[in-house]
Amino acid sequence: MEKGSGITLPLPPQPDTTRCRGSRRRFRVAALLAGIVVLGCLTNLRLFSYRLRSPVSEEPHSVQGDHLNPWESITPSPELEWHPCYTSINPSFLCARFTVPMDYTSSSSSANNNSASAGKVHIALLLLPSQTHNHTQTHSSPTSKLKQPLLLNPGGPGGSGVALALLGGPALQKVLGPDQPILGFDPRGVGFTVPRADCWAAPPPPSCKQHHHHHHRHRTRDGGGDCEEDVAGGMLRRLQWESMTRDFGGLNESDVATRLIDAGHRGVNRLCGEKDRRLKEEGGSSSILGHASTQHVARDMKGIVDAWERWVGKHGAGEDAEEGLKGKLVYWGFSYGTYLGATFARMFPERVGRVVLDGVVDGELYETPLWRESLVDADKVLGELFRYCVEAGRKCDLYRNGDTAQDVKRRYDEVMDRLETSPVTFTHPEHFYPVFLRNNFVKQLVFTTLYSPVKGFPGLATVLNIIYEGKYELLGALFQDAQLLCTVAGNPLVTGTMTDAQRAIMCGDKTQSVNMTLPEIRSGHEALAATSQFGDIWMELMLKCNGWDIYPSHPLPATELSKTNKQIETTHPILLLSNTYDPVTPLRAAVKTALQFKDAGLVEQQSLGHCTISTVSRCMAKVLREYFTTGKVPPPPRVDGKEEFKGEWTRCGVDEVPWGAAGPDRAGVETVEEREMLEGWRALQTIFWRMQRWATADREGGPDMEAVMSLARSS
């Protein structure tokens, strides 16, 4: 199929940004769509300003209250109670607010999820029912004879499953089948789940006593109450801090930059620690910052599965359509979501139904202070840019007649060297302010495109060629308009994304406290730089946990990773997926993890990028549909040498490569079902391109990747 023929998101046209006021109703769906995209990608403030051509209609059965955050109007419950929501996007969407204990080790929490004496977490759930369900039934019972819903985690950590289900639910049903319910949830600390992991929102004053409802003290928007956190003010302070720390430069620039970056992360961690202590003084175990680890989320997922079964039984929905999946987890996790899925499988092997781990994280490595092997294939992905550019010829803007891949690489190196020795300034052609184009900005852009080469390589080549030819003003679209910030504070979809969830989850998962000295930071950076030229970007992500000292009073029992040779036997085998070259979760991690689980299947997609969704593959789509439908997995991998993780396992070809040339599986007539599956895959590819998180290490002000793609299309 031709490049770009897949589904595109229904985003409204680019607005006139000269004003910061307008009708609230006029902005509702526009702000919704823009904000949901931002749930995954915080670098594109341009997305905040989309407008709508017509207002949102009021649905008679929808949740009353704020249409951007329907969960504020839903009473939390330890049982699932579904309410129509976001019906202007899809009339089938249903929302619920599910209550779980903050601290699973607390006797009061385990006895009663809704106990007023125990801290609680209210998880935001969004369900897209199967297309075969009975629409004539009441909103509390959307179907008869349900399949187990597919739970989602897009990665991060800190990614929003609600966002993925809202944007990608229909596309997922095209890939997996119309009878597959899709269930997105925001893990604790993330998005619309409360309390939020937000170190910047000032906690309620001491005058607020413990009898106030816990979730009211952590609302995701600034409602103006005396006992509510100042979320909007905290967000603006966060943006101010990010603006200041961007001036520090990159870790590879100087020892001064290294000291400043480390001090900055320690400062934020100190802020989080002070917030945690203040909340504990008010309400005992009421701070989410020490209870956001992956083991907590895995227990939450078990609770969601159990609540689903209770709901099915209560509303007479009948037996599950799939044999042996009652009370079992059906799940697709990407990137960090693979660590979450593997953790669930280790903790509750008897509850595994269909679990797909896509873009597999080495769990043993993830729990250490330094992820030394994550980038082993990153430079290989970059090397493919030069090869594909030559194959594309004049379609690639960095190509010159007669070029070899080495010629294109030399041109790339010249651009990066020039920016390192002579940073460029130019006046923004539209918004009239000076732009400072630095090496580390372009390097971040390059690293981001490695996540999805099919989407990113054409635009990257255009940007590099513009710099090579010195036409810097053409890059104005990559830089944000600060005027858009005036619309941010009032949008709960935006304020809900600017959290410290990634920090709280990632640091809470460490098996040892991280307190690297400057010599240790330099040594770690050198080790990563020896593996990849992007080691400085990755090392800064590692530094987010330096000085983190927030831990639960009663930690959950540790789970065993690969410390034993005994394989974990799950009720049903899990399925692991990986690209041949993944910039941050290499194939070797998938092989290693597959060997830890009995009968686990492994499929290598012969492509580039982060997670298999980065490249369209008819073969992989069929593997997934068959697995979720029947449970069939390919044979377990057979390794020749455990050190190199080389051996035999199932491989899938792809249907596209950068610049749209045909892949090896291009041949053959597509059936209607295949065409539907590939359209859904392309839509998911676009969504994930906009939801890349690890690439930016959660820093604001990165390159506008939508503008990168626009430059490629216009060239």
Foldseek 3Di string as FASTA:
>chain_A
DFPPPFDDDPAADQDDLPDDDDDPQFCQVQQLVLLLLCLQPVFALSSNPTTHPDGDDDDPQAQDDRLSQSVVRADEDCFWFWGQHPVVLPRQKIKGWHKAFLDPVDPVRVVDSPDLQTAIKIKIKIKRAFPPADCVDDRLAGHAQAAQAAEEDAAFVQHWQVSCCSQQVVLVCLLQHRRHMYMTIGAPQHFNMPQHQFLQFDFADPVDASVPRLRQQRHLACPPDNHHTHLLVSVVVVVVLLVVLVVLDFPVQDLSSVVSLLVSLLVSLVSSVVVCVVVCVRRNNHRSLARRALLNRLVVQLSVLVSVLVSCVVVVSDHHPDPPLRSAHNYEYFYVGQVSQLSNCLVCLARHDEYEYWQHDQLVLLQALANLCQQLQQVVLVLVLLQVLVVLAVLQLLDDPPDDSVNSVVLLVVLLVCQAVPWDWDAAPPQGDIDTHHSVQLVLLSLLCLQFVQLFSLLNSLVSNCSSVVVVNLQSVFFDDPSSVSSQNRRSSRSSSQRCSSLSHSLSSHPDQAADDSVRLVVSLVSNCVSDVCSRLLSSLSSSRHNNDRHDPDDDDDGDAPPDQDAREHPAAYEYEYECRERGRHPLSSLRRLSNHPFHAYEYEDATHGTPLSFAFLVVSVQVNCCSVPVDGWGRFDAPDNVVRDGDHHYTYGQADHPGDGTPPVDDDDDPSSVSSRSSSVSSNVSVSSSDHSSNSSRYNHTDSVVSSVSSVVD
